[in-house]
C-alpha atoms as a PDB file:
ATOM      1  CA  UNK A   1       0.000   0.000   0.000  1.00  0.00           C
ATOM      2  CA  UNK A   2       1.382   3.407  -0.966  1.00  0.00           C
ATOM      3  CA  UNK A   3       2.185   5.852   1.851  1.00  0.00           C
ATOM      4  CA  UNK A   4       0.950   9.461   1.903  1.00  0.00           C
ATOM      5  CA  UNK A   5       4.304  10.498   0.492  1.00  0.00           C
ATOM      6  CA  UNK A   6       5.531   8.051  -2.138  1.00  0.00           C
ATOM      7  CA  UNK A   7       9.051   6.731  -1.983  1.00  0.00           C
ATOM      8  CA  UNK A   8       9.751   7.688  -5.603  1.00  0.00           C
ATOM      9  CA  UNK A   9       8.287  10.193  -8.043  1.00  0.00           C
ATOM     10  CA  UNK A  10       8.981   9.286 -11.665  1.00  0.00           C
ATOM     11  CA  UNK A  11       8.943  12.340 -13.926  1.00  0.00           C
ATOM     12  CA  UNK A  12       8.239  11.691 -17.595  1.00  0.00           C
ATOM     13  CA  UNK A  13       8.044  14.409 -20.248  1.00  0.00           C
ATOM     14  CA  UNK A  14       6.193  13.225 -23.342  1.00  0.00           C
ATOM     15  CA  UNK A  15       6.065  14.570 -26.876  1.00  0.00           C
ATOM     16  CA  UNK A  16       4.786  12.551 -29.848  1.00  0.00           C
ATOM     17  CA  UNK A  17       5.608   9.192 -28.288  1.00  0.00           C
ATOM     18  CA  UNK A  18       2.331   7.348 -28.843  1.00  0.00           C
ATOM     19  CA  UNK A  19       4.060   4.171 -30.163  1.00  0.00           C
ATOM     20  CA  UNK A  20       6.361   3.915 -27.130  1.00  0.00           C
ATOM     21  CA  UNK A  21       4.782   5.319 -23.991  1.00  0.00           C
ATOM     22  CA  UNK A  22       2.734   2.211 -23.224  1.00  0.00           C
ATOM     23  CA  UNK A  23       5.895   0.158 -22.722  1.00  0.00           C
ATOM     24  CA  UNK A  24       7.333   2.996 -20.635  1.00  0.00           C
ATOM     25  CA  UNK A  25       4.328   3.077 -18.265  1.00  0.00           C
ATOM     26  CA  UNK A  26       4.054  -0.697 -18.029  1.00  0.00           C
ATOM     27  CA  UNK A  27       7.709  -0.935 -17.004  1.00  0.00           C
ATOM     28  CA  UNK A  28       6.930   1.346 -14.055  1.00  0.00           C
ATOM     29  CA  UNK A  29       3.846  -0.647 -13.123  1.00  0.00           C
ATOM     30  CA  UNK A  30       6.005  -3.798 -13.138  1.00  0.00           C
ATOM     31  CA  UNK A  31       8.452  -2.403 -10.548  1.00  0.00           C
ATOM     32  CA  UNK A  32       9.195  -4.591  -7.537  1.00  0.00           C
ATOM     33  CA  UNK A  33       8.973  -1.389  -5.477  1.00  0.00           C
ATOM     34  CA  UNK A  34       5.311  -0.403  -5.636  1.00  0.00           C
ATOM     35  CA  UNK A  35       5.495   2.808  -3.562  1.00  0.00           C
ATOM     36  CA  UNK A  36       5.777   5.272  -6.429  1.00  0.00           C
ATOM     37  CA  UNK A  37       3.924   7.942  -8.361  1.00  0.00           C
ATOM     38  CA  UNK A  38       4.429   8.628 -12.043  1.00  0.00           C
ATOM     39  CA  UNK A  39       3.934  12.167 -13.313  1.00  0.00           C
ATOM     40  CA  UNK A  40       3.585  12.334 -17.095  1.00  0.00           C
ATOM     41  CA  UNK A  41       3.494  15.771 -18.714  1.00  0.00           C
ATOM     42  CA  UNK A  42       2.465  15.893 -22.363  1.00  0.00           C
ATOM     43  CA  UNK A  43       4.145  18.793 -24.171  1.00  0.00           C
ATOM     44  CA  UNK A  44       1.236  19.473 -26.576  1.00  0.00           C
ATOM     45  CA  UNK A  45       1.812  16.363 -28.701  1.00  0.00           C
ATOM     46  CA  UNK A  46       0.346  16.330 -32.191  1.00  0.00           C
ATOM     47  CA  UNK A  47      -0.077  12.537 -32.261  1.00  0.00           C
ATOM     48  CA  UNK A  48      -2.097  10.134 -30.072  1.00  0.00           C
ATOM     49  CA  UNK A  49       0.156  10.374 -27.012  1.00  0.00           C
ATOM     50  CA  UNK A  50      -2.640  11.662 -24.749  1.00  0.00           C
ATOM     51  CA  UNK A  51      -4.992   8.856 -25.773  1.00  0.00           C
ATOM     52  CA  UNK A  52      -2.244   6.292 -25.179  1.00  0.00           C
ATOM     53  CA  UNK A  53      -1.641   7.610 -21.641  1.00  0.00           C
ATOM     54  CA  UNK A  54      -5.330   7.745 -20.691  1.00  0.00           C
ATOM     55  CA  UNK A  55      -5.563   3.963 -21.015  1.00  0.00           C
ATOM     56  CA  UNK A  56      -3.460   3.714 -17.837  1.00  0.00           C
ATOM     57  CA  UNK A  57      -5.109   6.372 -15.681  1.00  0.00           C
ATOM     58  CA  UNK A  58      -7.182   3.830 -13.754  1.00  0.00           C
ATOM     59  CA  UNK A  59      -3.968   3.372 -11.774  1.00  0.00           C
ATOM     60  CA  UNK A  60      -4.167   6.173  -9.141  1.00  0.00           C
ATOM     61  CA  UNK A  61      -0.376   6.352  -8.945  1.00  0.00           C
ATOM     62  CA  UNK A  62      -0.237   7.794 -12.467  1.00  0.00           C
ATOM     63  CA  UNK A  63      -0.823  11.544 -12.841  1.00  0.00           C
ATOM     64  CA  UNK A  64      -1.265  13.116 -16.259  1.00  0.00           C
ATOM     65  CA  UNK A  65      -0.722  16.817 -17.040  1.00  0.00           C
ATOM     66  CA  UNK A  66      -0.827  18.568 -20.410  1.00  0.00           C
ATOM     67  CA  UNK A  67       0.835  21.754 -21.621  1.00  0.00           C
ATOM     68  CA  UNK A  68      -1.461  24.017 -23.594  1.00  0.00           C
ATOM     69  CA  UNK A  69       1.325  24.606 -26.126  1.00  0.00           C
ATOM     70  CA  UNK A  70       4.710  23.107 -26.831  1.00  0.00           C
ATOM     71  CA  UNK A  71       7.139  24.444 -24.224  1.00  0.00           C
ATOM     72  CA  UNK A  72      10.181  22.211 -24.569  1.00  0.00           C
ATOM     73  CA  UNK A  73      11.646  19.468 -22.426  1.00  0.00           C
ATOM     74  CA  UNK A  74      13.094  21.752 -19.735  1.00  0.00           C
ATOM     75  CA  UNK A  75       9.784  23.465 -18.948  1.00  0.00           C
ATOM     76  CA  UNK A  76       7.951  20.146 -19.128  1.00  0.00           C
ATOM     77  CA  UNK A  77      10.354  18.411 -16.735  1.00  0.00           C
ATOM     78  CA  UNK A  78      10.127  21.338 -14.318  1.00  0.00           C
ATOM     79  CA  UNK A  79       6.341  21.109 -14.334  1.00  0.00           C
ATOM     80  CA  UNK A  80       6.608  17.442 -13.399  1.00  0.00           C
ATOM     81  CA  UNK A  81       9.173  18.277 -10.698  1.00  0.00           C
ATOM     82  CA  UNK A  82       6.856  20.887  -9.194  1.00  0.00           C
ATOM     83  CA  UNK A  83       4.075  18.301  -8.936  1.00  0.00           C
ATOM     84  CA  UNK A  84       6.286  15.560  -7.477  1.00  0.00           C
ATOM     85  CA  UNK A  85       5.696  14.483  -3.863  1.00  0.00           C
ATOM     86  CA  UNK A  86       8.181  11.636  -3.516  1.00  0.00           C
ATOM     87  CA  UNK A  87      11.296  11.336  -1.378  1.00  0.00           C
ATOM     88  CA  UNK A  88      13.272  10.523  -4.507  1.00  0.00           C
ATOM     89  CA  UNK A  89      12.955  11.863  -8.058  1.00  0.00           C
ATOM     90  CA  UNK A  90      13.494   9.335 -10.845  1.00  0.00           C
ATOM     91  CA  UNK A  91      13.906  10.376 -14.460  1.00  0.00           C
ATOM     92  CA  UNK A  92      12.284   8.330 -17.231  1.00  0.00           C
ATOM     93  CA  UNK A  93      11.867   9.515 -20.801  1.00  0.00           C
ATOM     94  CA  UNK A  94       8.635   8.479 -22.468  1.00  0.00           C
ATOM     95  CA  UNK A  95      10.291   6.335 -25.151  1.00  0.00           C
ATOM     96  CA  UNK A  96      12.469   4.425 -22.659  1.00  0.00           C
ATOM     97  CA  UNK A  97      11.756   1.814 -19.987  1.00  0.00           C
ATOM     98  CA  UNK A  98      13.004   0.337 -16.699  1.00  0.00           C
ATOM     99  CA  UNK A  99      14.079  -3.134 -15.619  1.00  0.00           C
ATOM    100  CA  UNK A 100      11.567  -4.406 -12.992  1.00  0.00           C
ATOM    101  CA  UNK A 101      13.955  -4.189 -10.024  1.00  0.00           C
ATOM    102  CA  UNK A 102      15.419  -0.773 -10.870  1.00  0.00           C
ATOM    103  CA  UNK A 103      13.672   1.480  -8.344  1.00  0.00           C
ATOM    104  CA  UNK A 104      14.006  -0.994  -5.496  1.00  0.00           C
ATOM    105  CA  UNK A 105      17.717  -1.490  -6.105  1.00  0.00           C
ATOM    106  CA  UNK A 106      18.548   2.181  -6.642  1.00  0.00           C
ATOM    107  CA  UNK A 107      16.705   3.491  -3.590  1.00  0.00           C
ATOM    108  CA  UNK A 108      18.390   0.876  -1.376  1.00  0.00           C
ATOM    109  CA  UNK A 109      21.753   1.671  -2.972  1.00  0.00           C
ATOM    110  CA  UNK A 110      21.316   5.428  -2.482  1.00  0.00           C
ATOM    111  CA  UNK A 111      20.512   5.017   1.195  1.00  0.00           C
ATOM    112  CA  UNK A 112      23.371   2.572   1.721  1.00  0.00           C
ATOM    113  CA  UNK A 113      25.840   4.980   0.059  1.00  0.00           C
ATOM    114  CA  UNK A 114      24.365   8.076   1.780  1.00  0.00           C
ATOM    115  CA  UNK A 115      24.118   9.591  -1.687  1.00  0.00           C
ATOM    116  CA  UNK A 116      22.064  12.507  -2.991  1.00  0.00           C
ATOM    117  CA  UNK A 117      22.108  11.179  -6.555  1.00  0.00           C
ATOM    118  CA  UNK A 118      22.634   7.665  -7.904  1.00  0.00           C
ATOM    119  CA  UNK A 119      22.611   6.130 -11.358  1.00  0.00           C
ATOM    120  CA  UNK A 120      22.959   2.793 -13.087  1.00  0.00           C
ATOM    121  CA  UNK A 121      24.050   1.743 -16.571  1.00  0.00           C
ATOM    122  CA  UNK A 122      22.022   2.476 -19.687  1.00  0.00           C
ATOM    123  CA  UNK A 123      21.321  -0.150 -22.310  1.00  0.00           C
ATOM    124  CA  UNK A 124      21.044   1.474 -25.737  1.00  0.00           C
ATOM    125  CA  UNK A 125      18.492  -0.229 -27.969  1.00  0.00           C
ATOM    126  CA  UNK A 126      18.114   0.537 -31.646  1.00  0.00           C
ATOM    127  CA  UNK A 127      14.680   0.908 -33.160  1.00  0.00           C
ATOM    128  CA  UNK A 128      14.915  -2.651 -34.520  1.00  0.00           C
ATOM    129  CA  UNK A 129      15.731  -4.147 -31.119  1.00  0.00           C
ATOM    130  CA  UNK A 130      19.497  -4.681 -31.094  1.00  0.00           C
ATOM    131  CA  UNK A 131      21.804  -3.530 -28.297  1.00  0.00           C
ATOM    132  CA  UNK A 132      24.786  -1.431 -29.348  1.00  0.00           C
ATOM    133  CA  UNK A 133      26.078  -0.062 -26.023  1.00  0.00           C
ATOM    134  CA  UNK A 134      25.872  -0.471 -22.252  1.00  0.00           C
ATOM    135  CA  UNK A 135      27.401   2.515 -20.503  1.00  0.00           C
ATOM    136  CA  UNK A 136      27.035   5.457 -18.126  1.00  0.00           C
ATOM    137  CA  UNK A 137      29.391   7.939 -19.790  1.00  0.00           C
ATOM    138  CA  UNK A 138      30.946   8.686 -23.165  1.00  0.00           C
ATOM    139  CA  UNK A 139      34.539   8.733 -21.962  1.00  0.00           C
ATOM    140  CA  UNK A 140      34.610   6.295 -19.039  1.00  0.00           C
ATOM    141  CA  UNK A 141      34.070   2.572 -18.788  1.00  0.00           C
ATOM    142  CA  UNK A 142      31.702   1.252 -16.113  1.00  0.00           C
ATOM    143  CA  UNK A 143      33.526   0.463 -12.864  1.00  0.00           C
ATOM    144  CA  UNK A 144      33.707  -3.144 -11.716  1.00  0.00           C
ATOM    145  CA  UNK A 145      32.219  -2.287  -8.323  1.00  0.00           C
ATOM    146  CA  UNK A 146      29.782   0.371  -7.054  1.00  0.00           C
ATOM    147  CA  UNK A 147      31.593   3.596  -6.226  1.00  0.00           C
ATOM    148  CA  UNK A 148      31.265   7.331  -5.676  1.00  0.00           C
ATOM    149  CA  UNK A 149      32.557   9.883  -8.177  1.00  0.00           C
ATOM    150  CA  UNK A 150      33.702  13.472  -7.700  1.00  0.00           C
ATOM    151  CA  UNK A 151      32.237  16.217  -9.852  1.00  0.00           C
ATOM    152  CA  UNK A 152      35.589  16.563 -11.649  1.00  0.00           C
ATOM    153  CA  UNK A 153      35.564  12.861 -12.511  1.00  0.00           C
ATOM    154  CA  UNK A 154      32.014  13.145 -13.823  1.00  0.00           C
ATOM    155  CA  UNK A 155      32.832  16.162 -16.010  1.00  0.00           C
ATOM    156  CA  UNK A 156      35.760  14.303 -17.560  1.00  0.00           C
ATOM    157  CA  UNK A 157      33.719  11.128 -18.033  1.00  0.00           C
ATOM    158  CA  UNK A 158      30.924  13.059 -19.799  1.00  0.00           C
ATOM    159  CA  UNK A 159      27.897  11.302 -18.259  1.00  0.00           C
ATOM    160  CA  UNK A 160      24.825  10.016 -20.009  1.00  0.00           C
ATOM    161  CA  UNK A 161      22.601   8.919 -17.122  1.00  0.00           C
ATOM    162  CA  UNK A 162      18.995   8.900 -15.908  1.00  0.00           C
ATOM    163  CA  UNK A 163      19.530   9.186 -12.163  1.00  0.00           C
ATOM    164  CA  UNK A 164      17.583   8.933  -8.946  1.00  0.00           C
ATOM    165  CA  UNK A 165      17.853  12.223  -6.999  1.00  0.00           C
ATOM    166  CA  UNK A 166      17.016  13.065  -3.396  1.00  0.00           C
ATOM    167  CA  UNK A 167      14.073  15.505  -3.604  1.00  0.00           C
ATOM    168  CA  UNK A 168      15.132  17.320  -0.419  1.00  0.00           C
ATOM    169  CA  UNK A 169      18.468  18.221  -2.010  1.00  0.00           C
ATOM    170  CA  UNK A 170      16.743  19.745  -5.057  1.00  0.00           C
ATOM    171  CA  UNK A 171      14.441  21.816  -2.861  1.00  0.00           C
ATOM    172  CA  UNK A 172      17.226  23.024  -0.560  1.00  0.00           C
ATOM    173  CA  UNK A 173      19.525  24.022  -3.426  1.00  0.00           C
ATOM    174  CA  UNK A 174      16.782  25.299  -5.725  1.00  0.00           C
ATOM    175  CA  UNK A 175      17.946  23.233  -8.703  1.00  0.00           C
ATOM    176  CA  UNK A 176      15.685  23.139 -11.728  1.00  0.00           C
ATOM    177  CA  UNK A 177      16.136  22.404 -15.423  1.00  0.00           C
ATOM    178  CA  UNK A 178      17.484  25.341 -17.470  1.00  0.00           C
ATOM    179  CA  UNK A 179      14.610  25.901 -19.872  1.00  0.00           C
ATOM    180  CA  UNK A 180      16.620  27.885 -22.452  1.00  0.00           C
ATOM    181  CA  UNK A 181      18.777  24.802 -23.121  1.00  0.00           C
ATOM    182  CA  UNK A 182      16.709  22.722 -25.524  1.00  0.00           C
ATOM    183  CA  UNK A 183      18.819  19.637 -26.198  1.00  0.00           C
ATOM    184  CA  UNK A 184      21.006  18.982 -23.186  1.00  0.00           C
ATOM    185  CA  UNK A 185      19.224  20.522 -20.235  1.00  0.00           C
ATOM    186  CA  UNK A 186      19.424  17.164 -18.443  1.00  0.00           C
ATOM    187  CA  UNK A 187      23.239  17.214 -18.632  1.00  0.00           C
ATOM    188  CA  UNK A 188      23.316  20.743 -17.190  1.00  0.00           C
ATOM    189  CA  UNK A 189      20.776  19.748 -14.512  1.00  0.00           C
ATOM    190  CA  UNK A 190      22.783  16.754 -13.280  1.00  0.00           C
ATOM    191  CA  UNK A 191      26.083  18.633 -13.274  1.00  0.00           C
ATOM    192  CA  UNK A 192      24.539  21.574 -11.429  1.00  0.00           C
ATOM    193  CA  UNK A 193      23.404  19.150  -8.737  1.00  0.00           C
ATOM    194  CA  UNK A 194      26.974  17.888  -8.385  1.00  0.00           C
ATOM    195  CA  UNK A 195      28.522  21.365  -8.511  1.00  0.00           C
ATOM    196  CA  UNK A 196      26.241  22.331  -5.625  1.00  0.00           C
ATOM    197  CA  UNK A 197      27.680  19.581  -3.476  1.00  0.00           C
ATOM    198  CA  UNK A 198      25.663  16.417  -4.068  1.00  0.00           C
ATOM    199  CA  UNK A 199      27.233  13.050  -3.314  1.00  0.00           C
ATOM    200  CA  UNK A 200      26.994  10.848  -6.418  1.00  0.00           C
ATOM    201  CA  UNK A 201      27.326   7.069  -6.613  1.00  0.00           C
ATOM    202  CA  UNK A 202      27.098   4.666  -9.545  1.00  0.00           C
ATOM    203  CA  UNK A 203      25.677   1.145  -9.381  1.00  0.00           C
ATOM    204  CA  UNK A 204      27.178  -0.669 -12.405  1.00  0.00           C
ATOM    205  CA  UNK A 205      24.104  -2.697 -13.301  1.00  0.00           C
ATOM    206  CA  UNK A 206      22.190  -2.245 -16.592  1.00  0.00           C
ATOM    207  CA  UNK A 207      18.628  -1.346 -15.590  1.00  0.00           C
ATOM    208  CA  UNK A 208      17.672   1.659 -17.761  1.00  0.00           C
ATOM    209  CA  UNK A 209      16.728   0.936 -21.388  1.00  0.00           C
ATOM    210  CA  UNK A 210      17.297   3.826 -23.795  1.00  0.00           C
ATOM    211  CA  UNK A 211      15.534   3.602 -27.148  1.00  0.00           C
ATOM    212  CA  UNK A 212      17.469   5.083 -30.074  1.00  0.00           C
ATOM    213  CA  UNK A 213      15.213   6.226 -32.910  1.00  0.00           C
ATOM    214  CA  UNK A 214      15.201   9.049 -35.501  1.00  0.00           C
ATOM    215  CA  UNK A 215      12.760  11.313 -33.626  1.00  0.00           C
ATOM    216  CA  UNK A 216      14.631  11.645 -30.310  1.00  0.00           C
ATOM    217  CA  UNK A 217      15.182  15.225 -29.137  1.00  0.00           C
ATOM    218  CA  UNK A 218      18.954  14.815 -29.521  1.00  0.00           C
ATOM    219  CA  UNK A 219      18.541  14.705 -33.305  1.00  0.00           C
ATOM    220  CA  UNK A 220      16.568  17.968 -33.557  1.00  0.00           C
ATOM    221  CA  UNK A 221      19.082  20.531 -32.297  1.00  0.00           C
ATOM    222  CA  UNK A 222      22.619  21.600 -33.200  1.00  0.00           C
ATOM    223  CA  UNK A 223      24.910  19.809 -30.717  1.00  0.00           C
ATOM    224  CA  UNK A 224      27.551  22.559 -30.847  1.00  0.00           C
ATOM    225  CA  UNK A 225      25.096  25.389 -30.141  1.00  0.00           C
ATOM    226  CA  UNK A 226      23.365  23.488 -27.352  1.00  0.00           C
ATOM    227  CA  UNK A 227      26.666  22.364 -25.843  1.00  0.00           C
ATOM    228  CA  UNK A 228      27.809  25.973 -25.725  1.00  0.00           C
ATOM    229  CA  UNK A 229      24.657  26.944 -23.856  1.00  0.00           C
ATOM    230  CA  UNK A 230      25.237  24.192 -21.310  1.00  0.00           C
ATOM    231  CA  UNK A 231      28.875  25.207 -20.917  1.00  0.00           C
ATOM    232  CA  UNK A 232      28.080  28.866 -20.332  1.00  0.00           C
ATOM    233  CA  UNK A 233      25.273  28.066 -17.915  1.00  0.00           C
ATOM    234  CA  UNK A 234      27.460  25.781 -15.790  1.00  0.00           C
ATOM    235  CA  UNK A 235      30.476  28.080 -15.878  1.00  0.00           C
ATOM    236  CA  UNK A 236      28.373  30.974 -14.551  1.00  0.00           C
ATOM    237  CA  UNK A 237      27.223  29.080 -11.469  1.00  0.00           C
ATOM    238  CA  UNK A 238      28.782  30.654  -8.337  1.00  0.00           C
ATOM    239  CA  UNK A 239      29.768  27.208  -7.025  1.00  0.00           C
ATOM    240  CA  UNK A 240      31.885  26.367 -10.103  1.00  0.00           C
ATOM    241  CA  UNK A 241      35.622  26.587  -9.413  1.00  0.00           C
ATOM    242  CA  UNK A 242      38.280  27.674 -11.903  1.00  0.00           C
ATOM    243  CA  UNK A 243      39.457  24.084 -12.301  1.00  0.00           C
ATOM    244  CA  UNK A 244      35.901  22.937 -12.979  1.00  0.00           C
ATOM    245  CA  UNK A 245      35.422  25.735 -15.529  1.00  0.00           C
ATOM    246  CA  UNK A 246      38.546  24.570 -17.330  1.00  0.00           C
ATOM    247  CA  UNK A 247      37.335  20.962 -17.340  1.00  0.00           C
ATOM    248  CA  UNK A 248      33.958  22.061 -18.698  1.00  0.00           C
ATOM    249  CA  UNK A 249      35.692  24.032 -21.470  1.00  0.00           C
ATOM    250  CA  UNK A 250      37.748  20.978 -22.374  1.00  0.00           C
ATOM    251  CA  UNK A 251      34.603  18.828 -22.451  1.00  0.00           C
ATOM    252  CA  UNK A 252      32.930  21.335 -24.763  1.00  0.00           C
ATOM    253  CA  UNK A 253      35.871  21.299 -27.182  1.00  0.00           C
ATOM    254  CA  UNK A 254      35.692  17.521 -27.254  1.00  0.00           C
ATOM    255  CA  UNK A 255      31.997  17.670 -28.163  1.00  0.00           C
ATOM    256  CA  UNK A 256      32.765  20.098 -30.990  1.00  0.00           C
ATOM    257  CA  UNK A 257      35.461  17.773 -32.297  1.00  0.00           C
ATOM    258  CA  UNK A 258      33.148  14.741 -32.337  1.00  0.00           C
ATOM    259  CA  UNK A 259      30.377  16.756 -33.982  1.00  0.00           C
ATOM    260  CA  UNK A 260      32.691  17.917 -36.794  1.00  0.00           C
ATOM    261  CA  UNK A 261      34.768  14.772 -37.227  1.00  0.00           C
ATOM    262  CA  UNK A 262      32.465  12.819 -39.629  1.00  0.00           C
ATOM    263  CA  UNK A 263      32.284  15.789 -42.041  1.00  0.00           C
ATOM    264  CA  UNK A 264      36.041  16.376 -41.749  1.00  0.00           C
ATOM    265  CA  UNK A 265      36.906  12.742 -42.454  1.00  0.00           C
ATOM    266  CA  UNK A 266      34.560  12.661 -45.442  1.00  0.00           C
ATOM    267  CA  UNK A 267      35.981  15.920 -46.800  1.00  0.00           C
ATOM    268  CA  UNK A 268      39.536  14.558 -46.575  1.00  0.00           C
ATOM    269  CA  UNK A 269      38.512  11.265 -48.183  1.00  0.00           C
ATOM    270  CA  UNK A 270      36.834  13.060 -51.102  1.00  0.00           C
ATOM    271  CA  UNK A 271      39.583  15.642 -51.555  1.00  0.00           C
ATOM    272  CA  UNK A 272      37.459  18.628 -50.507  1.00  0.00           C
ATOM    273  CA  UNK A 273      40.435  20.363 -48.933  1.00  0.00           C
ATOM    274  CA  UNK A 274      38.825  23.772 -48.517  1.00  0.00           C
ATOM    275  CA  UNK A 275      35.997  22.280 -46.482  1.00  0.00           C
ATOM    276  CA  UNK A 276      38.468  20.157 -44.497  1.00  0.00           C
ATOM    277  CA  UNK A 277      40.561  23.242 -43.721  1.00  0.00           C
ATOM    278  CA  UNK A 278      37.508  25.147 -42.534  1.00  0.00           C
ATOM    279  CA  UNK A 279      36.516  22.302 -40.186  1.00  0.00           C
ATOM    280  CA  UNK A 280      40.104  21.938 -38.983  1.00  0.00           C
ATOM    281  CA  UNK A 281      40.175  25.617 -38.034  1.00  0.00           C
ATOM    282  CA  UNK A 282      37.005  25.134 -35.968  1.00  0.00           C
ATOM    283  CA  UNK A 283      38.490  22.133 -34.159  1.00  0.00           C
ATOM    284  CA  UNK A 284      42.164  21.247 -34.772  1.00  0.00           C
ATOM    285  CA  UNK A 285      41.669  18.014 -32.810  1.00  0.00           C
ATOM    286  CA  UNK A 286      39.795  16.464 -35.757  1.00  0.00           C
ATOM    287  CA  UNK A 287      43.125  15.873 -37.496  1.00  0.00           C
ATOM    288  CA  UNK A 288      44.570  13.984 -34.521  1.00  0.00           C
ATOM    289  CA  UNK A 289      41.451  11.856 -34.357  1.00  0.00           C
ATOM    290  CA  UNK A 290      41.668  11.084 -38.064  1.00  0.00           C
ATOM    291  CA  UNK A 291      45.288   9.993 -37.690  1.00  0.00           C
ATOM    292  CA  UNK A 292      44.331   7.754 -34.763  1.00  0.00           C
ATOM    293  CA  UNK A 293      41.717   6.027 -36.924  1.00  0.00           C
ATOM    294  CA  UNK A 294      44.102   5.200 -39.802  1.00  0.00           C
ATOM    295  CA  UNK A 295      45.638   2.002 -38.327  1.00  0.00           C
ATOM    296  CA  UNK A 296      42.206   0.505 -37.735  1.00  0.00           C
ATOM    297  CA  UNK A 297      41.094   1.428 -41.251  1.00  0.00           C
ATOM    298  CA  UNK A 298      44.207  -0.172 -42.759  1.00  0.00           C
ATOM    299  CA  UNK A 299      43.679  -3.320 -40.674  1.00  0.00           C
ATOM    300  CA  UNK A 300      40.088  -3.647 -41.880  1.00  0.00           C
ATOM    301  CA  UNK A 301      41.140  -3.203 -45.490  1.00  0.00           C
ATOM    302  CA  UNK A 302      44.035  -5.675 -45.315  1.00  0.00           C
ATOM    303  CA  UNK A 303      42.256  -8.394 -43.369  1.00  0.00           C
ATOM    304  CA  UNK A 304      38.757  -7.717 -44.718  1.00  0.00           C
ATOM    305  CA  UNK A 305      37.341  -7.491 -41.209  1.00  0.00           C
ATOM    306  CA  UNK A 306      33.730  -6.352 -41.124  1.00  0.00           C
ATOM    307  CA  UNK A 307      33.670  -5.541 -37.421  1.00  0.00           C
ATOM    308  CA  UNK A 308      36.550  -3.553 -35.979  1.00  0.00           C
ATOM    309  CA  UNK A 309      36.470  -1.125 -33.077  1.00  0.00           C
ATOM    310  CA  UNK A 310      38.105   2.211 -33.867  1.00  0.00           C
ATOM    311  CA  UNK A 311      38.356   5.428 -31.785  1.00  0.00           C
ATOM    312  CA  UNK A 312      35.390   7.143 -33.444  1.00  0.00           C
ATOM    313  CA  UNK A 313      33.096   4.144 -33.128  1.00  0.00           C
ATOM    314  CA  UNK A 314      33.809   3.734 -29.420  1.00  0.00           C
ATOM    315  CA  UNK A 315      32.726   7.301 -28.699  1.00  0.00           C
ATOM    316  CA  UNK A 316      30.109   7.909 -31.342  1.00  0.00           C
ATOM    317  CA  UNK A 317      27.370   8.838 -28.879  1.00  0.00           C
ATOM    318  CA  UNK A 318      27.829  12.352 -27.509  1.00  0.00           C
ATOM    319  CA  UNK A 319      25.060  13.837 -25.364  1.00  0.00           C
ATOM    320  CA  UNK A 320      26.235  17.110 -23.844  1.00  0.00           C
END
């Protein structure tokens, strides 16, 4: 039986996710921890998202709100946060889903580690159902054992997580999503939490399932522009130290390099030297990355290997 204040509030922004949101909701209903509320906020979808959600509203733990007009993910997440009553805030995007034991394991882990924010590993599923990655960060492998990370370690790792956050910490520190950042406001939100002193721990178990498909928000905005907004927002925070500002700047330059690298490599391959020079001037690191990829490319050509891990492929996903 659910207490007056639920253990966990799951916040779920939704926009044009009618084909997926049923699986998302059912994964929450299947949780081994039943003391939860799920707050779904529809950001003025133009498809049948609202109708898909209403099928589940017989469950009193599910709350459904609708924006009158499209406001973006940051505003929509903040609206869900403002309605949340739980001790813990869990993030779940409407096209993703949870493993059944996720909430039970993460809440117990957070309390055992005395953490303000905890995360697990994400399993990246393609639209056709194949797994292509299990990770928590772009530039760090999962640890063998559960452990805490400093904010500097997290910045350098470049996280891609959907954490569980202590609601009391958010209220005390006044942390909310930056609504002017359209693509990566979740990255800025999590790092702001850490910059304001949260204790973060990672449980290296794959329990969050991330669906990769053409209509995800990450495909609709310029990664360089949005990364710059995140960088400037985080660097302006009064809690950010000079060392942390430098690490954030380095992380931004790395995002720019990965965003430009495919075009640079193609320009070099096709002899479009003027275009290659222009991209090199934007990010000189693209040349170093191209040189690093040459041995792998030669190996594939010589030995006719279809599957070969190279530097670009290992870090192809960049969510800043």
